[in-house]
N, C-alpha and C. Protein backbone atom coordinates (compact mmCIF):
# COMPACT_ATOMS: atom_id res chain seq x y z
N UNK A 1 85.05 59.37 104.18
CA UNK A 1 85.79 60.62 104.17
C UNK A 1 85.75 61.22 105.56
N UNK A 2 86.93 61.50 106.09
CA UNK A 2 87.03 62.21 107.37
C UNK A 2 87.08 63.71 107.03
N UNK A 3 86.06 64.43 107.41
CA UNK A 3 86.03 65.87 107.16
C UNK A 3 86.82 66.62 108.23
N UNK A 4 87.47 67.68 107.80
CA UNK A 4 88.10 68.65 108.71
C UNK A 4 89.08 67.98 109.69
N UNK A 5 89.84 67.03 109.18
CA UNK A 5 90.78 66.21 109.98
C UNK A 5 90.22 65.83 111.35
N UNK A 6 88.94 65.54 111.38
CA UNK A 6 88.25 65.06 112.59
C UNK A 6 88.14 66.11 113.69
N UNK A 7 88.18 67.38 113.31
CA UNK A 7 87.89 68.50 114.23
C UNK A 7 88.70 68.47 115.54
N UNK A 8 90.02 68.53 115.47
CA UNK A 8 90.81 68.57 116.71
C UNK A 8 90.57 69.86 117.49
N UNK A 9 90.64 69.78 118.80
CA UNK A 9 90.46 70.97 119.66
C UNK A 9 91.79 71.72 119.75
N UNK A 10 92.16 72.37 118.67
CA UNK A 10 93.45 73.04 118.57
C UNK A 10 93.57 74.17 119.58
N UNK A 11 92.53 74.96 119.73
CA UNK A 11 92.58 76.10 120.65
C UNK A 11 92.83 75.65 122.09
N UNK A 12 92.39 74.45 122.43
CA UNK A 12 92.60 73.93 123.79
C UNK A 12 93.88 73.10 123.90
N UNK A 13 94.60 72.96 122.80
CA UNK A 13 95.86 72.23 122.83
C UNK A 13 95.71 70.74 123.06
N UNK A 14 94.62 70.17 122.59
CA UNK A 14 94.35 68.75 122.83
C UNK A 14 94.85 67.88 121.68
N UNK A 15 96.13 67.99 121.39
CA UNK A 15 96.72 67.24 120.28
C UNK A 15 96.66 65.74 120.52
N UNK A 16 97.15 65.28 121.62
CA UNK A 16 97.22 63.84 121.89
C UNK A 16 95.83 63.20 121.89
N UNK A 17 94.86 63.89 122.49
CA UNK A 17 93.50 63.35 122.55
C UNK A 17 92.90 63.18 121.15
N UNK A 18 93.39 63.97 120.21
CA UNK A 18 92.94 63.87 118.83
C UNK A 18 93.78 62.88 118.03
N UNK A 19 95.10 62.95 118.18
CA UNK A 19 96.02 62.23 117.30
C UNK A 19 95.86 60.71 117.37
N UNK A 20 95.72 60.18 118.56
CA UNK A 20 95.65 58.73 118.68
C UNK A 20 94.39 58.15 118.04
N UNK A 21 93.19 58.64 118.38
CA UNK A 21 92.00 58.10 117.71
C UNK A 21 91.96 58.41 116.21
N UNK A 22 92.47 59.56 115.82
CA UNK A 22 92.50 59.95 114.41
C UNK A 22 93.29 58.93 113.59
N UNK A 23 94.37 58.42 114.15
CA UNK A 23 95.20 57.44 113.45
C UNK A 23 94.41 56.18 113.09
N UNK A 24 93.40 55.87 113.87
CA UNK A 24 92.58 54.70 113.57
C UNK A 24 91.89 54.79 112.22
N UNK A 25 91.51 55.98 111.81
CA UNK A 25 90.88 56.15 110.49
C UNK A 25 91.84 55.76 109.37
N UNK A 26 93.12 56.09 109.54
CA UNK A 26 94.11 55.81 108.51
C UNK A 26 94.36 54.31 108.34
N UNK A 27 94.00 53.52 109.33
CA UNK A 27 94.16 52.07 109.22
C UNK A 27 93.15 51.46 108.26
N UNK A 28 92.13 52.20 107.92
CA UNK A 28 91.09 51.72 107.00
C UNK A 28 91.45 52.16 105.58
N UNK A 29 91.81 51.24 104.70
CA UNK A 29 92.33 51.63 103.38
C UNK A 29 91.34 52.36 102.49
N UNK A 30 90.06 52.27 102.78
CA UNK A 30 89.06 52.94 101.95
C UNK A 30 88.70 54.33 102.47
N UNK A 31 89.41 54.81 103.49
CA UNK A 31 89.11 56.10 104.10
C UNK A 31 90.16 57.13 103.68
N UNK A 32 89.69 58.31 103.30
CA UNK A 32 90.55 59.46 102.99
C UNK A 32 90.17 60.59 103.94
N UNK A 33 90.92 61.68 103.88
CA UNK A 33 90.72 62.77 104.84
C UNK A 33 90.86 64.12 104.14
N UNK A 34 90.00 65.06 104.51
CA UNK A 34 90.09 66.43 104.01
C UNK A 34 90.95 67.27 104.95
N UNK A 35 91.91 67.96 104.37
CA UNK A 35 92.73 68.92 105.11
C UNK A 35 91.98 70.24 105.13
N UNK A 36 91.12 70.39 106.10
CA UNK A 36 90.28 71.59 106.19
C UNK A 36 89.80 71.77 107.62
N UNK A 37 89.21 72.91 107.88
CA UNK A 37 88.53 73.14 109.14
C UNK A 37 89.39 73.46 110.34
N UNK A 38 90.70 73.52 110.17
CA UNK A 38 91.56 73.73 111.33
C UNK A 38 91.50 75.15 111.87
N UNK A 39 91.33 76.13 111.00
CA UNK A 39 91.33 77.52 111.48
C UNK A 39 90.16 77.80 112.41
N UNK A 40 89.06 77.10 112.23
CA UNK A 40 87.91 77.32 113.11
C UNK A 40 88.01 76.53 114.40
N UNK A 41 88.97 75.62 114.48
CA UNK A 41 89.21 74.88 115.72
C UNK A 41 90.35 75.50 116.52
N UNK A 42 91.08 76.41 115.91
CA UNK A 42 92.17 77.13 116.58
C UNK A 42 91.63 78.45 117.11
N UNK A 43 92.51 79.27 117.65
CA UNK A 43 92.13 80.62 118.08
C UNK A 43 91.73 81.39 116.82
N UNK A 44 90.49 81.77 116.71
CA UNK A 44 89.96 82.35 115.48
C UNK A 44 90.73 83.56 114.99
N UNK A 45 91.26 84.36 115.89
CA UNK A 45 91.95 85.58 115.47
C UNK A 45 93.46 85.50 115.66
N UNK A 46 93.96 84.40 116.21
CA UNK A 46 95.39 84.34 116.49
C UNK A 46 96.09 83.07 116.03
N UNK A 47 95.46 82.28 115.17
CA UNK A 47 96.09 81.04 114.72
C UNK A 47 97.28 81.36 113.81
N UNK A 48 98.21 80.43 113.76
CA UNK A 48 99.38 80.57 112.88
C UNK A 48 99.60 79.26 112.14
N UNK A 49 100.32 79.34 111.04
CA UNK A 49 100.68 78.14 110.28
C UNK A 49 101.48 77.19 111.18
N UNK A 50 102.36 77.74 112.01
CA UNK A 50 103.18 76.92 112.89
C UNK A 50 102.33 76.17 113.91
N UNK A 51 101.29 76.81 114.41
CA UNK A 51 100.40 76.17 115.38
C UNK A 51 99.68 74.98 114.75
N UNK A 52 99.35 75.09 113.48
CA UNK A 52 98.61 74.04 112.80
C UNK A 52 99.50 72.97 112.19
N UNK A 53 100.80 73.24 112.07
CA UNK A 53 101.73 72.31 111.42
C UNK A 53 101.70 70.90 112.01
N UNK A 54 101.68 70.71 113.33
CA UNK A 54 101.66 69.33 113.84
C UNK A 54 100.45 68.53 113.37
N UNK A 55 99.33 69.19 113.18
CA UNK A 55 98.12 68.51 112.74
C UNK A 55 98.24 68.10 111.27
N UNK A 56 98.74 69.02 110.44
CA UNK A 56 99.01 68.69 109.05
C UNK A 56 100.01 67.54 108.96
N UNK A 57 101.10 67.67 109.71
CA UNK A 57 102.17 66.67 109.64
C UNK A 57 101.69 65.29 110.05
N UNK A 58 100.88 65.23 111.09
CA UNK A 58 100.36 63.94 111.54
C UNK A 58 99.45 63.33 110.46
N UNK A 59 98.59 64.14 109.88
CA UNK A 59 97.70 63.65 108.82
C UNK A 59 98.52 63.14 107.64
N UNK A 60 99.56 63.88 107.24
CA UNK A 60 100.41 63.45 106.14
C UNK A 60 101.13 62.15 106.49
N UNK A 61 101.59 62.04 107.71
CA UNK A 61 102.33 60.85 108.13
C UNK A 61 101.44 59.60 108.10
N UNK A 62 100.23 59.70 108.61
CA UNK A 62 99.41 58.49 108.74
C UNK A 62 98.59 58.16 107.50
N UNK A 63 98.16 59.17 106.75
CA UNK A 63 97.37 58.92 105.55
C UNK A 63 98.23 58.90 104.29
N UNK A 64 99.30 59.70 104.26
CA UNK A 64 100.07 59.88 103.05
C UNK A 64 99.32 60.79 102.09
N UNK A 65 100.03 61.40 101.16
CA UNK A 65 99.39 62.37 100.26
C UNK A 65 98.33 61.77 99.34
N UNK A 66 98.39 60.48 99.08
CA UNK A 66 97.42 59.87 98.17
C UNK A 66 96.03 59.74 98.78
N UNK A 67 95.92 59.88 100.10
CA UNK A 67 94.62 59.74 100.76
C UNK A 67 94.22 61.01 101.50
N UNK A 68 94.80 62.13 101.10
CA UNK A 68 94.45 63.44 101.66
C UNK A 68 94.00 64.35 100.53
N UNK A 69 93.03 65.21 100.83
CA UNK A 69 92.60 66.18 99.82
C UNK A 69 92.44 67.55 100.45
N UNK A 70 92.66 68.55 99.63
CA UNK A 70 92.49 69.93 100.07
C UNK A 70 91.01 70.20 100.32
N UNK A 71 90.75 71.02 101.32
CA UNK A 71 89.40 71.48 101.60
C UNK A 71 89.48 72.88 102.19
N UNK A 72 88.41 73.63 102.09
CA UNK A 72 88.42 75.02 102.57
C UNK A 72 87.56 75.24 103.80
N UNK A 73 86.52 74.44 103.96
CA UNK A 73 85.49 74.64 104.99
C UNK A 73 84.75 75.96 104.76
N UNK A 74 84.65 76.37 103.50
CA UNK A 74 83.92 77.58 103.15
C UNK A 74 82.43 77.29 103.26
N UNK A 75 81.61 78.14 103.78
CA UNK A 75 81.85 79.50 104.25
C UNK A 75 82.23 79.59 105.72
N UNK A 76 82.24 78.46 106.42
CA UNK A 76 82.53 78.50 107.86
C UNK A 76 83.91 79.10 108.13
N UNK A 77 84.89 78.84 107.25
CA UNK A 77 86.25 79.36 107.45
C UNK A 77 86.29 80.88 107.54
N UNK A 78 85.28 81.55 107.02
CA UNK A 78 85.29 83.01 106.97
C UNK A 78 85.33 83.67 108.34
N UNK A 79 85.03 82.95 109.41
CA UNK A 79 85.16 83.53 110.75
C UNK A 79 86.62 83.67 111.16
N UNK A 80 87.54 82.98 110.44
CA UNK A 80 88.95 83.02 110.81
C UNK A 80 89.88 83.41 109.68
N UNK A 81 89.45 83.24 108.44
CA UNK A 81 90.27 83.58 107.27
C UNK A 81 89.35 83.64 106.06
N UNK A 82 89.89 84.10 104.94
CA UNK A 82 89.10 84.07 103.72
C UNK A 82 89.37 82.76 102.97
N UNK A 83 88.66 82.56 101.88
CA UNK A 83 88.80 81.32 101.12
C UNK A 83 90.25 81.11 100.67
N UNK A 84 90.86 82.15 100.12
CA UNK A 84 92.24 82.04 99.66
C UNK A 84 93.17 81.68 100.81
N UNK A 85 92.93 82.25 101.99
CA UNK A 85 93.76 81.94 103.15
C UNK A 85 93.65 80.48 103.56
N UNK A 86 92.45 79.93 103.47
CA UNK A 86 92.24 78.52 103.82
C UNK A 86 92.99 77.60 102.84
N UNK A 87 92.93 77.93 101.57
CA UNK A 87 93.62 77.13 100.56
C UNK A 87 95.14 77.31 100.68
N UNK A 88 95.60 78.55 100.90
CA UNK A 88 97.03 78.80 101.06
C UNK A 88 97.60 78.06 102.27
N UNK A 89 96.81 77.92 103.30
CA UNK A 89 97.24 77.19 104.48
C UNK A 89 97.62 75.76 104.11
N UNK A 90 96.80 75.11 103.30
CA UNK A 90 97.11 73.75 102.85
C UNK A 90 98.30 73.76 101.90
N UNK A 91 98.32 74.70 100.97
CA UNK A 91 99.44 74.78 100.03
C UNK A 91 100.77 74.95 100.77
N UNK A 92 100.79 75.79 101.78
CA UNK A 92 102.02 75.98 102.57
C UNK A 92 102.40 74.71 103.32
N UNK A 93 101.42 74.00 103.84
CA UNK A 93 101.70 72.79 104.60
C UNK A 93 102.27 71.68 103.73
N UNK A 94 101.85 71.64 102.47
CA UNK A 94 102.34 70.57 101.59
C UNK A 94 103.51 71.02 100.72
N UNK A 95 103.98 72.25 100.89
CA UNK A 95 105.09 72.77 100.08
C UNK A 95 106.34 71.88 100.11
N UNK A 96 106.68 71.24 101.24
CA UNK A 96 107.87 70.38 101.25
C UNK A 96 107.71 69.08 100.44
N UNK A 97 106.51 68.74 100.04
CA UNK A 97 106.27 67.51 99.30
C UNK A 97 106.73 67.65 97.85
N UNK A 98 106.93 66.53 97.20
CA UNK A 98 107.29 66.54 95.78
C UNK A 98 106.11 67.08 94.96
N UNK A 99 106.36 67.51 93.73
CA UNK A 99 105.25 67.98 92.89
C UNK A 99 104.15 66.92 92.72
N UNK A 100 104.51 65.66 92.56
CA UNK A 100 103.51 64.60 92.42
C UNK A 100 102.69 64.44 93.70
N UNK A 101 103.33 64.54 94.85
CA UNK A 101 102.61 64.43 96.12
C UNK A 101 101.68 65.63 96.33
N UNK A 102 102.15 66.81 95.96
CA UNK A 102 101.29 67.99 96.05
C UNK A 102 100.07 67.84 95.15
N UNK A 103 100.30 67.35 93.94
CA UNK A 103 99.19 67.13 93.00
C UNK A 103 98.19 66.11 93.57
N UNK A 104 98.69 65.11 94.27
CA UNK A 104 97.80 64.12 94.88
C UNK A 104 96.85 64.79 95.87
N UNK A 105 97.39 65.68 96.71
CA UNK A 105 96.56 66.36 97.72
C UNK A 105 95.62 67.37 97.06
N UNK A 106 96.12 68.09 96.08
CA UNK A 106 95.34 69.17 95.47
C UNK A 106 94.35 68.70 94.40
N UNK A 107 94.59 67.52 93.82
CA UNK A 107 93.73 67.08 92.72
C UNK A 107 93.38 65.59 92.74
N UNK A 108 94.41 64.75 92.73
CA UNK A 108 94.22 63.33 92.45
C UNK A 108 93.34 62.62 93.46
N UNK A 109 93.54 62.86 94.73
CA UNK A 109 92.73 62.19 95.75
C UNK A 109 91.25 62.53 95.58
N UNK A 110 90.96 63.78 95.32
CA UNK A 110 89.57 64.21 95.13
C UNK A 110 88.96 63.51 93.92
N UNK A 111 89.68 63.50 92.81
CA UNK A 111 89.18 62.84 91.61
C UNK A 111 88.93 61.36 91.85
N UNK A 112 89.85 60.71 92.54
CA UNK A 112 89.71 59.28 92.80
C UNK A 112 88.56 59.00 93.77
N UNK A 113 88.52 59.71 94.88
CA UNK A 113 87.53 59.43 95.91
C UNK A 113 86.11 59.69 95.41
N UNK A 114 85.92 60.80 94.71
CA UNK A 114 84.59 61.16 94.22
C UNK A 114 84.31 60.64 92.80
N UNK A 115 85.27 59.86 92.27
CA UNK A 115 85.13 59.24 90.95
C UNK A 115 84.81 60.29 89.86
N UNK A 116 85.58 61.35 89.86
CA UNK A 116 85.42 62.42 88.88
C UNK A 116 86.31 62.12 87.67
N UNK A 117 85.76 62.23 86.51
CA UNK A 117 86.51 62.01 85.28
C UNK A 117 86.77 63.35 84.62
N UNK A 118 87.94 63.53 84.01
CA UNK A 118 88.20 64.78 83.29
C UNK A 118 87.11 65.02 82.24
N UNK A 119 86.59 66.23 82.23
CA UNK A 119 85.57 66.61 81.28
C UNK A 119 84.16 66.23 81.68
N UNK A 120 84.00 65.59 82.84
CA UNK A 120 82.65 65.22 83.27
C UNK A 120 81.92 66.46 83.77
N UNK A 121 80.62 66.38 83.84
CA UNK A 121 79.82 67.52 84.27
C UNK A 121 79.29 67.33 85.67
N UNK A 122 79.94 66.54 86.51
CA UNK A 122 79.49 66.33 87.89
C UNK A 122 79.93 67.43 88.78
């Protein structure tokens, strides 16, 4: 599992330095990625959805929705947004996807990766 999309230096604008090595993780079929942690890598008080969009888009392009899962980075995210804001950020980024693809990011990938069964107590 790649946590926090591998912590790109968003505030410093280091997209390329992150994007190329990050793509290597997607070449490994057993690796998935959490869409989280971006707000704490951006300008803590001035980040925007548009600023983070290229990072979301690259992750979606290389991993696909079946190998991405929502994450909040709570409580660390609280320095830049609240829990709902962190989740809404992901929901907004995946809004253009089909309902099945959105469900993959919001539920299915997590259930598959962590081997969670409906009704289990894990």
